[in-house]
Amino acid sequence: MAFSTFAASVPVFHQTLTSLSALLEKADAHAEAAGISVSELLEARLAPDMFHFTRQIQIACDHAKGCTARLAGIDIPKFEDTEKTVAELQARIAKTQAFIASVTPEQFEGAEERDIKLVFPWASYDFSGARYLTYWALPNFFFHASTAYNILRHQGVAIGKADFLGAQPA
């Protein structure tokens, strides 16, 4: 079987989102054990000009659902960025996973060559589907997932590389 954009995206997003969900559980347990408010962790950031933990999770979810939808040629579901608690972040991850699980490999047919255009106030970018996945979507997804991990690690949550990688599929 040929390697596909579906195989390089949806299962990868699913595994890392599952890991982020487990990291949230560990953050919650750490806050309780340390006698601090979990909101301290959710609002933590690595540097003053970087997004806080909650925003990192939101953006990682946005990249997973946005990439999946763009490559499948379907509308991107809109999620409001209103999460303030661990439970709300868990729900966002679950919604993202449910969406990406609803997309089939067949919907990805031709995704490698699909035209993807991203428009921002400061610039616009045109990609083929393959280039979008490998040069934009995956790097951005992993940047925000890694930053979320690093924020928790920096805040003293007892996590390691295996927690970030998560359970490896068979």
N, C-alpha and C. Protein backbone atom coordinates (compact mmCIF):
# COMPACT_ATOMS: atom_id res chain seq x y z
N MET A 1 0.84 -1.18 0.00
CA MET A 1 0.00 0.00 0.00
C MET A 1 0.89 1.25 0.00
N ALA A 2 0.57 2.19 -0.84
CA ALA A 2 1.35 3.42 -0.93
C ALA A 2 1.10 4.29 0.29
N PHE A 3 2.13 5.03 0.66
CA PHE A 3 2.01 5.98 1.75
C PHE A 3 1.12 7.13 1.26
N SER A 4 0.23 7.60 2.11
CA SER A 4 -0.75 8.59 1.67
C SER A 4 -0.78 9.80 2.59
N THR A 5 -1.38 10.88 2.09
CA THR A 5 -1.56 12.06 2.92
C THR A 5 -2.47 11.75 4.10
N PHE A 6 -3.43 10.85 3.88
CA PHE A 6 -4.29 10.45 5.00
C PHE A 6 -3.45 9.80 6.09
N ALA A 7 -2.62 8.82 5.71
CA ALA A 7 -1.80 8.10 6.69
C ALA A 7 -0.80 9.02 7.38
N ALA A 8 -0.37 10.07 6.68
CA ALA A 8 0.60 10.99 7.25
C ALA A 8 -0.04 12.09 8.08
N SER A 9 -1.36 12.11 8.15
CA SER A 9 -2.02 13.19 8.87
C SER A 9 -2.98 12.69 9.94
N VAL A 10 -4.09 12.12 9.56
CA VAL A 10 -5.15 11.79 10.52
C VAL A 10 -4.66 10.91 11.67
N PRO A 11 -4.00 9.78 11.41
CA PRO A 11 -3.53 8.97 12.56
C PRO A 11 -2.48 9.69 13.40
N VAL A 12 -1.66 10.51 12.77
CA VAL A 12 -0.63 11.28 13.49
C VAL A 12 -1.30 12.30 14.41
N PHE A 13 -2.28 13.02 13.86
CA PHE A 13 -3.01 13.97 14.69
C PHE A 13 -3.69 13.26 15.85
N HIS A 14 -4.33 12.14 15.55
CA HIS A 14 -5.05 11.40 16.60
C HIS A 14 -4.11 11.00 17.74
N GLN A 15 -2.96 10.44 17.39
CA GLN A 15 -2.02 10.00 18.43
C GLN A 15 -1.55 11.16 19.29
N THR A 16 -1.20 12.26 18.67
CA THR A 16 -0.67 13.39 19.44
C THR A 16 -1.77 14.07 20.25
N LEU A 17 -2.97 14.16 19.69
CA LEU A 17 -4.08 14.72 20.47
C LEU A 17 -4.39 13.84 21.68
N THR A 18 -4.29 12.53 21.51
CA THR A 18 -4.47 11.61 22.65
C THR A 18 -3.40 11.88 23.71
N SER A 19 -2.18 12.12 23.27
CA SER A 19 -1.10 12.45 24.21
C SER A 19 -1.37 13.76 24.93
N LEU A 20 -1.87 14.77 24.19
CA LEU A 20 -2.18 16.05 24.82
C LEU A 20 -3.29 15.88 25.87
N SER A 21 -4.24 15.03 25.58
CA SER A 21 -5.30 14.76 26.55
C SER A 21 -4.71 14.13 27.82
N ALA A 22 -3.80 13.20 27.66
CA ALA A 22 -3.15 12.57 28.81
C ALA A 22 -2.29 13.59 29.58
N LEU A 23 -1.65 14.51 28.85
CA LEU A 23 -0.87 15.56 29.52
C LEU A 23 -1.77 16.46 30.36
N LEU A 24 -2.96 16.74 29.86
CA LEU A 24 -3.92 17.53 30.64
C LEU A 24 -4.28 16.82 31.94
N GLU A 25 -4.47 15.51 31.88
CA GLU A 25 -4.77 14.74 33.10
C GLU A 25 -3.61 14.86 34.09
N LYS A 26 -2.39 14.76 33.58
CA LYS A 26 -1.22 14.86 34.47
C LYS A 26 -1.08 16.27 35.04
N ALA A 27 -1.41 17.28 34.25
CA ALA A 27 -1.37 18.66 34.75
C ALA A 27 -2.38 18.84 35.87
N ASP A 28 -3.56 18.30 35.70
CA ASP A 28 -4.60 18.40 36.72
C ASP A 28 -4.16 17.71 38.01
N ALA A 29 -3.61 16.51 37.87
CA ALA A 29 -3.13 15.77 39.05
C ALA A 29 -1.97 16.50 39.72
N HIS A 30 -1.07 17.07 38.93
CA HIS A 30 0.06 17.82 39.48
C HIS A 30 -0.44 19.02 40.29
N ALA A 31 -1.38 19.75 39.74
CA ALA A 31 -1.91 20.93 40.44
C ALA A 31 -2.53 20.53 41.77
N GLU A 32 -3.31 19.46 41.75
CA GLU A 32 -3.94 19.00 43.00
C GLU A 32 -2.89 18.59 44.02
N ALA A 33 -1.89 17.81 43.59
CA ALA A 33 -0.86 17.34 44.51
C ALA A 33 0.00 18.50 45.04
N ALA A 34 0.22 19.51 44.20
CA ALA A 34 1.05 20.65 44.60
C ALA A 34 0.26 21.72 45.35
N GLY A 35 -1.06 21.54 45.40
CA GLY A 35 -1.89 22.52 46.10
C GLY A 35 -1.97 23.85 45.39
N ILE A 36 -1.90 23.81 44.07
CA ILE A 36 -2.03 25.04 43.29
C ILE A 36 -3.27 24.95 42.41
N SER A 37 -3.71 26.07 41.93
CA SER A 37 -4.84 26.08 41.01
C SER A 37 -4.36 25.61 39.64
N VAL A 38 -5.11 24.73 39.03
CA VAL A 38 -4.73 24.24 37.70
C VAL A 38 -4.73 25.39 36.69
N SER A 39 -5.46 26.46 36.98
CA SER A 39 -5.47 27.61 36.08
C SER A 39 -4.07 28.23 35.97
N GLU A 40 -3.23 28.07 37.00
CA GLU A 40 -1.85 28.55 36.91
C GLU A 40 -1.12 27.85 35.78
N LEU A 41 -1.38 26.56 35.63
CA LEU A 41 -0.75 25.80 34.54
C LEU A 41 -1.35 26.16 33.20
N LEU A 42 -2.67 26.32 33.16
CA LEU A 42 -3.34 26.62 31.90
C LEU A 42 -2.97 28.00 31.37
N GLU A 43 -2.61 28.90 32.28
CA GLU A 43 -2.24 30.26 31.88
C GLU A 43 -0.74 30.44 31.73
N ALA A 44 0.03 29.40 32.02
CA ALA A 44 1.49 29.50 31.95
C ALA A 44 1.97 29.59 30.51
N ARG A 45 3.09 30.25 30.35
CA ARG A 45 3.72 30.39 29.03
C ARG A 45 5.23 30.30 29.21
N LEU A 46 5.94 30.02 28.14
CA LEU A 46 7.39 29.91 28.22
C LEU A 46 8.09 31.26 28.19
N ALA A 47 7.49 32.21 27.53
CA ALA A 47 8.06 33.55 27.41
C ALA A 47 6.91 34.55 27.34
N PRO A 48 7.15 35.78 27.75
CA PRO A 48 6.06 36.75 27.77
C PRO A 48 5.37 36.97 26.42
N ASP A 49 6.10 36.79 25.32
CA ASP A 49 5.51 37.02 24.01
C ASP A 49 4.96 35.75 23.36
N MET A 50 4.87 34.67 24.11
CA MET A 50 4.33 33.42 23.59
C MET A 50 2.92 33.19 24.13
N PHE A 51 2.15 32.39 23.41
CA PHE A 51 0.82 32.02 23.88
C PHE A 51 0.91 31.13 25.11
N HIS A 52 -0.13 31.20 25.94
CA HIS A 52 -0.22 30.36 27.13
C HIS A 52 -0.63 28.94 26.75
N PHE A 53 -0.56 28.06 27.73
CA PHE A 53 -0.83 26.64 27.52
C PHE A 53 -2.18 26.40 26.84
N THR A 54 -3.23 27.03 27.35
CA THR A 54 -4.56 26.81 26.78
C THR A 54 -4.58 27.14 25.30
N ARG A 55 -3.97 28.26 24.93
CA ARG A 55 -3.96 28.66 23.51
C ARG A 55 -3.16 27.67 22.66
N GLN A 56 -2.11 27.10 23.23
CA GLN A 56 -1.33 26.10 22.49
C GLN A 56 -2.21 24.89 22.14
N ILE A 57 -3.02 24.46 23.09
CA ILE A 57 -3.93 23.32 22.84
C ILE A 57 -4.96 23.70 21.78
N GLN A 58 -5.53 24.88 21.90
CA GLN A 58 -6.52 25.33 20.92
C GLN A 58 -5.93 25.35 19.51
N ILE A 59 -4.73 25.89 19.37
CA ILE A 59 -4.11 26.00 18.05
C ILE A 59 -3.71 24.63 17.51
N ALA A 60 -3.22 23.75 18.36
CA ALA A 60 -2.90 22.39 17.90
C ALA A 60 -4.17 21.73 17.35
N CYS A 61 -5.27 21.87 18.06
CA CYS A 61 -6.55 21.33 17.57
C CYS A 61 -6.95 21.98 16.25
N ASP A 62 -6.76 23.29 16.15
CA ASP A 62 -7.11 24.00 14.92
C ASP A 62 -6.30 23.47 13.73
N HIS A 63 -5.02 23.22 13.94
CA HIS A 63 -4.20 22.70 12.84
C HIS A 63 -4.63 21.29 12.45
N ALA A 64 -4.96 20.46 13.42
CA ALA A 64 -5.40 19.10 13.11
C ALA A 64 -6.69 19.10 12.31
N LYS A 65 -7.68 19.85 12.75
CA LYS A 65 -8.97 19.86 12.04
C LYS A 65 -8.87 20.63 10.73
N GLY A 66 -8.11 21.72 10.72
CA GLY A 66 -7.96 22.50 9.50
C GLY A 66 -7.25 21.72 8.41
N CYS A 67 -6.18 21.07 8.75
CA CYS A 67 -5.44 20.27 7.78
C CYS A 67 -6.30 19.13 7.25
N THR A 68 -6.95 18.43 8.15
CA THR A 68 -7.80 17.31 7.75
C THR A 68 -8.88 17.78 6.78
N ALA A 69 -9.55 18.86 7.11
CA ALA A 69 -10.62 19.36 6.26
C ALA A 69 -10.09 19.85 4.91
N ARG A 70 -9.01 20.61 4.93
CA ARG A 70 -8.47 21.13 3.68
C ARG A 70 -8.04 20.00 2.75
N LEU A 71 -7.36 19.00 3.29
CA LEU A 71 -6.90 17.90 2.45
C LEU A 71 -8.07 17.06 1.93
N ALA A 72 -9.14 16.98 2.71
CA ALA A 72 -10.32 16.22 2.29
C ALA A 72 -11.24 17.06 1.40
N GLY A 73 -10.98 18.35 1.30
CA GLY A 73 -11.80 19.22 0.48
C GLY A 73 -13.17 19.51 1.06
N ILE A 74 -13.23 19.58 2.40
CA ILE A 74 -14.50 19.84 3.08
C ILE A 74 -14.38 21.06 3.98
N ASP A 75 -15.50 21.52 4.48
CA ASP A 75 -15.50 22.70 5.35
C ASP A 75 -14.81 22.40 6.69
N ILE A 76 -14.11 23.39 7.17
CA ILE A 76 -13.44 23.29 8.47
C ILE A 76 -14.45 23.62 9.56
N PRO A 77 -14.63 22.73 10.53
CA PRO A 77 -15.54 23.07 11.63
C PRO A 77 -14.98 24.24 12.44
N LYS A 78 -15.87 25.09 12.88
CA LYS A 78 -15.47 26.27 13.67
C LYS A 78 -15.65 25.96 15.15
N PHE A 79 -14.59 26.13 15.91
CA PHE A 79 -14.65 25.99 17.36
C PHE A 79 -14.32 27.35 17.95
N GLU A 80 -15.14 27.81 18.85
CA GLU A 80 -14.85 29.06 19.55
C GLU A 80 -13.71 28.82 20.54
N ASP A 81 -12.89 29.80 20.75
CA ASP A 81 -11.75 29.68 21.66
C ASP A 81 -12.15 30.20 23.04
N THR A 82 -13.02 29.43 23.71
CA THR A 82 -13.56 29.88 24.99
C THR A 82 -13.14 28.99 26.17
N GLU A 83 -12.30 28.00 25.91
CA GLU A 83 -11.94 27.05 26.97
C GLU A 83 -11.17 27.73 28.09
N LYS A 84 -11.57 27.41 29.32
CA LYS A 84 -10.91 27.98 30.50
C LYS A 84 -10.53 26.90 31.52
N THR A 85 -11.01 25.68 31.32
CA THR A 85 -10.77 24.61 32.30
C THR A 85 -10.20 23.38 31.61
N VAL A 86 -9.67 22.49 32.41
CA VAL A 86 -9.17 21.22 31.88
C VAL A 86 -10.31 20.47 31.18
N ALA A 87 -11.48 20.43 31.79
CA ALA A 87 -12.62 19.72 31.18
C ALA A 87 -12.98 20.31 29.82
N GLU A 88 -12.94 21.63 29.72
CA GLU A 88 -13.26 22.27 28.44
C GLU A 88 -12.19 21.99 27.39
N LEU A 89 -10.94 21.95 27.80
CA LEU A 89 -9.87 21.61 26.86
C LEU A 89 -9.98 20.14 26.44
N GLN A 90 -10.32 19.27 27.38
CA GLN A 90 -10.52 17.86 27.04
C GLN A 90 -11.66 17.73 26.02
N ALA A 91 -12.72 18.51 26.21
CA ALA A 91 -13.85 18.46 25.28
C ALA A 91 -13.43 18.94 23.89
N ARG A 92 -12.58 19.96 23.84
CA ARG A 92 -12.12 20.45 22.53
C ARG A 92 -11.29 19.39 21.82
N ILE A 93 -10.40 18.75 22.56
CA ILE A 93 -9.60 17.68 21.97
C ILE A 93 -10.52 16.57 21.47
N ALA A 94 -11.49 16.19 22.28
CA ALA A 94 -12.43 15.12 21.89
C ALA A 94 -13.23 15.51 20.63
N LYS A 95 -13.68 16.77 20.55
CA LYS A 95 -14.40 17.24 19.36
C LYS A 95 -13.50 17.19 18.13
N THR A 96 -12.25 17.56 18.31
CA THR A 96 -11.30 17.53 17.20
C THR A 96 -11.08 16.10 16.75
N GLN A 97 -10.88 15.21 17.70
CA GLN A 97 -10.67 13.80 17.35
C GLN A 97 -11.90 13.20 16.68
N ALA A 98 -13.08 13.56 17.14
CA ALA A 98 -14.31 13.05 16.51
C ALA A 98 -14.40 13.54 15.07
N PHE A 99 -14.05 14.80 14.85
CA PHE A 99 -14.10 15.33 13.48
C PHE A 99 -13.11 14.60 12.59
N ILE A 100 -11.85 14.51 13.00
CA ILE A 100 -10.87 13.89 12.11
C ILE A 100 -11.18 12.40 11.90
N ALA A 101 -11.79 11.75 12.89
CA ALA A 101 -12.18 10.34 12.74
C ALA A 101 -13.33 10.17 11.76
N SER A 102 -14.09 11.25 11.54
CA SER A 102 -15.23 11.16 10.62
C SER A 102 -14.82 11.27 9.16
N VAL A 103 -13.58 11.64 8.91
CA VAL A 103 -13.09 11.81 7.55
C VAL A 103 -12.46 10.50 7.09
N THR A 104 -12.81 10.07 5.90
CA THR A 104 -12.35 8.78 5.39
C THR A 104 -11.13 8.93 4.48
N PRO A 105 -10.37 7.86 4.34
CA PRO A 105 -9.25 7.90 3.39
C PRO A 105 -9.71 8.24 1.97
N GLU A 106 -10.90 7.82 1.61
CA GLU A 106 -11.42 8.09 0.27
C GLU A 106 -11.59 9.60 0.02
N GLN A 107 -11.91 10.34 1.07
CA GLN A 107 -12.06 11.79 0.93
C GLN A 107 -10.72 12.47 0.66
N PHE A 108 -9.64 11.77 0.91
CA PHE A 108 -8.30 12.30 0.69
C PHE A 108 -7.79 12.00 -0.72
N GLU A 109 -8.57 11.31 -1.54
CA GLU A 109 -8.13 11.01 -2.90
C GLU A 109 -7.82 12.31 -3.63
N GLY A 110 -6.62 12.39 -4.19
CA GLY A 110 -6.19 13.58 -4.89
C GLY A 110 -5.69 14.69 -3.98
N ALA A 111 -5.63 14.44 -2.68
CA ALA A 111 -5.23 15.48 -1.72
C ALA A 111 -3.82 16.00 -1.98
N GLU A 112 -2.94 15.14 -2.45
CA GLU A 112 -1.55 15.55 -2.67
C GLU A 112 -1.46 16.73 -3.64
N GLU A 113 -2.35 16.75 -4.62
CA GLU A 113 -2.33 17.80 -5.64
C GLU A 113 -3.39 18.89 -5.42
N ARG A 114 -4.22 18.72 -4.40
CA ARG A 114 -5.27 19.71 -4.14
C ARG A 114 -4.64 21.08 -3.87
N ASP A 115 -5.22 22.11 -4.45
CA ASP A 115 -4.74 23.47 -4.21
C ASP A 115 -5.22 23.94 -2.83
N ILE A 116 -4.28 24.38 -2.03
CA ILE A 116 -4.57 24.88 -0.69
C ILE A 116 -4.09 26.33 -0.65
N LYS A 117 -4.97 27.23 -0.30
CA LYS A 117 -4.61 28.65 -0.18
C LYS A 117 -4.92 29.10 1.24
N LEU A 118 -3.94 29.64 1.89
CA LEU A 118 -4.11 30.21 3.22
C LEU A 118 -3.97 31.72 3.11
N VAL A 119 -4.91 32.44 3.68
CA VAL A 119 -4.90 33.89 3.61
C VAL A 119 -4.91 34.46 5.03
N PHE A 120 -3.93 35.29 5.30
CA PHE A 120 -3.79 35.96 6.58
C PHE A 120 -3.74 37.47 6.32
N PRO A 121 -3.98 38.28 7.32
CA PRO A 121 -3.90 39.73 7.11
C PRO A 121 -2.51 40.18 6.59
N TRP A 122 -1.47 39.46 6.94
CA TRP A 122 -0.11 39.86 6.59
C TRP A 122 0.45 39.15 5.36
N ALA A 123 -0.19 38.05 4.92
CA ALA A 123 0.34 37.31 3.77
C ALA A 123 -0.65 36.24 3.32
N SER A 124 -0.44 35.73 2.12
CA SER A 124 -1.20 34.57 1.67
C SER A 124 -0.21 33.55 1.11
N TYR A 125 -0.59 32.29 1.19
CA TYR A 125 0.28 31.20 0.79
C TYR A 125 -0.52 30.24 -0.09
N ASP A 126 0.12 29.79 -1.17
CA ASP A 126 -0.47 28.79 -2.05
C ASP A 126 0.38 27.53 -1.99
N PHE A 127 -0.27 26.41 -1.75
CA PHE A 127 0.41 25.12 -1.62
C PHE A 127 -0.29 24.06 -2.45
N SER A 128 0.44 23.03 -2.83
CA SER A 128 -0.20 21.77 -3.20
C SER A 128 -0.52 21.09 -1.87
N GLY A 129 -1.43 20.14 -1.89
CA GLY A 129 -1.78 19.45 -0.65
C GLY A 129 -0.59 18.80 0.03
N ALA A 130 0.28 18.17 -0.75
CA ALA A 130 1.46 17.50 -0.17
C ALA A 130 2.39 18.51 0.50
N ARG A 131 2.63 19.61 -0.17
CA ARG A 131 3.52 20.62 0.41
C ARG A 131 2.87 21.28 1.63
N TYR A 132 1.59 21.54 1.57
CA TYR A 132 0.87 22.10 2.72
C TYR A 132 1.01 21.20 3.93
N LEU A 133 0.80 19.90 3.74
CA LEU A 133 0.90 18.95 4.85
C LEU A 133 2.30 18.93 5.44
N THR A 134 3.31 18.81 4.58
CA THR A 134 4.67 18.59 5.08
C THR A 134 5.42 19.86 5.48
N TYR A 135 5.09 20.99 4.87
CA TYR A 135 5.83 22.22 5.16
C TYR A 135 5.07 23.20 6.03
N TRP A 136 3.76 22.99 6.21
CA TRP A 136 2.98 23.95 6.99
C TRP A 136 2.21 23.26 8.12
N ALA A 137 1.31 22.37 7.77
CA ALA A 137 0.37 21.83 8.77
C ALA A 137 1.07 21.00 9.84
N LEU A 138 1.85 20.01 9.45
CA LEU A 138 2.51 19.18 10.46
C LEU A 138 3.51 19.98 11.30
N PRO A 139 4.38 20.81 10.70
CA PRO A 139 5.29 21.59 11.56
C PRO A 139 4.55 22.49 12.54
N ASN A 140 3.49 23.15 12.09
CA ASN A 140 2.73 24.02 12.99
C ASN A 140 2.04 23.21 14.09
N PHE A 141 1.42 22.09 13.72
CA PHE A 141 0.76 21.23 14.69
C PHE A 141 1.76 20.80 15.77
N PHE A 142 2.91 20.31 15.35
CA PHE A 142 3.89 19.83 16.32
C PHE A 142 4.55 20.97 17.11
N PHE A 143 4.67 22.14 16.52
CA PHE A 143 5.19 23.28 17.27
C PHE A 143 4.29 23.56 18.48
N HIS A 144 2.98 23.62 18.25
CA HIS A 144 2.07 23.96 19.34
C HIS A 144 1.90 22.81 20.33
N ALA A 145 1.88 21.58 19.84
CA ALA A 145 1.80 20.43 20.75
C ALA A 145 3.07 20.35 21.61
N SER A 146 4.22 20.56 20.99
CA SER A 146 5.49 20.53 21.74
C SER A 146 5.57 21.68 22.74
N THR A 147 5.09 22.84 22.34
CA THR A 147 5.12 23.98 23.25
C THR A 147 4.22 23.73 24.45
N ALA A 148 3.05 23.14 24.22
CA ALA A 148 2.17 22.78 25.35
C ALA A 148 2.90 21.84 26.30
N TYR A 149 3.53 20.81 25.75
CA TYR A 149 4.32 19.87 26.57
C TYR A 149 5.40 20.62 27.35
N ASN A 150 6.14 21.48 26.65
CA ASN A 150 7.25 22.19 27.28
C ASN A 150 6.79 23.13 28.39
N ILE A 151 5.64 23.74 28.21
CA ILE A 151 5.11 24.61 29.27
C ILE A 151 4.87 23.79 30.53
N LEU A 152 4.22 22.65 30.39
CA LEU A 152 3.96 21.81 31.57
C LEU A 152 5.25 21.32 32.20
N ARG A 153 6.18 20.92 31.36
CA ARG A 153 7.46 20.44 31.88
C ARG A 153 8.17 21.56 32.64
N HIS A 154 8.14 22.74 32.08
CA HIS A 154 8.77 23.91 32.71
C HIS A 154 8.10 24.26 34.04
N GLN A 155 6.81 23.95 34.15
CA GLN A 155 6.07 24.24 35.38
C GLN A 155 6.22 23.13 36.42
N GLY A 156 7.04 22.13 36.12
CA GLY A 156 7.32 21.09 37.10
C GLY A 156 6.44 19.86 37.01
N VAL A 157 5.59 19.76 36.02
CA VAL A 157 4.76 18.56 35.86
C VAL A 157 5.69 17.41 35.47
N ALA A 158 5.56 16.29 36.15
CA ALA A 158 6.44 15.13 35.94
C ALA A 158 6.02 14.38 34.67
N ILE A 159 6.54 14.88 33.55
CA ILE A 159 6.27 14.26 32.25
C ILE A 159 7.59 14.11 31.52
N GLY A 160 7.61 13.19 30.56
CA GLY A 160 8.81 12.95 29.77
C GLY A 160 8.46 12.71 28.32
N LYS A 161 9.46 12.39 27.55
CA LYS A 161 9.29 12.19 26.12
C LYS A 161 8.23 11.14 25.80
N ALA A 162 8.19 10.06 26.57
CA ALA A 162 7.20 9.02 26.33
C ALA A 162 5.78 9.56 26.49
N ASP A 163 5.57 10.52 27.38
CA ASP A 163 4.26 11.13 27.54
C ASP A 163 3.88 11.93 26.30
N PHE A 164 4.86 12.59 25.69
CA PHE A 164 4.58 13.36 24.48
C PHE A 164 4.29 12.42 23.31
N LEU A 165 5.10 11.38 23.16
CA LEU A 165 4.91 10.46 22.04
C LEU A 165 3.65 9.64 22.16
N GLY A 166 3.28 9.29 23.38
CA GLY A 166 2.06 8.52 23.60
C GLY A 166 2.21 7.07 23.17
N ALA A 167 1.09 6.36 23.23
CA ALA A 167 1.07 4.96 22.87
C ALA A 167 1.30 4.82 21.36
N GLN A 168 2.21 3.99 21.00
CA GLN A 168 2.51 3.76 19.59
C GLN A 168 1.53 2.75 19.02
N PRO A 169 0.86 3.11 17.92
CA PRO A 169 -0.10 2.17 17.31
C PRO A 169 0.61 0.94 16.76
N ALA A 170 -0.12 -0.15 16.70
CA ALA A 170 0.46 -1.40 16.19
C ALA A 170 0.64 -1.35 14.69
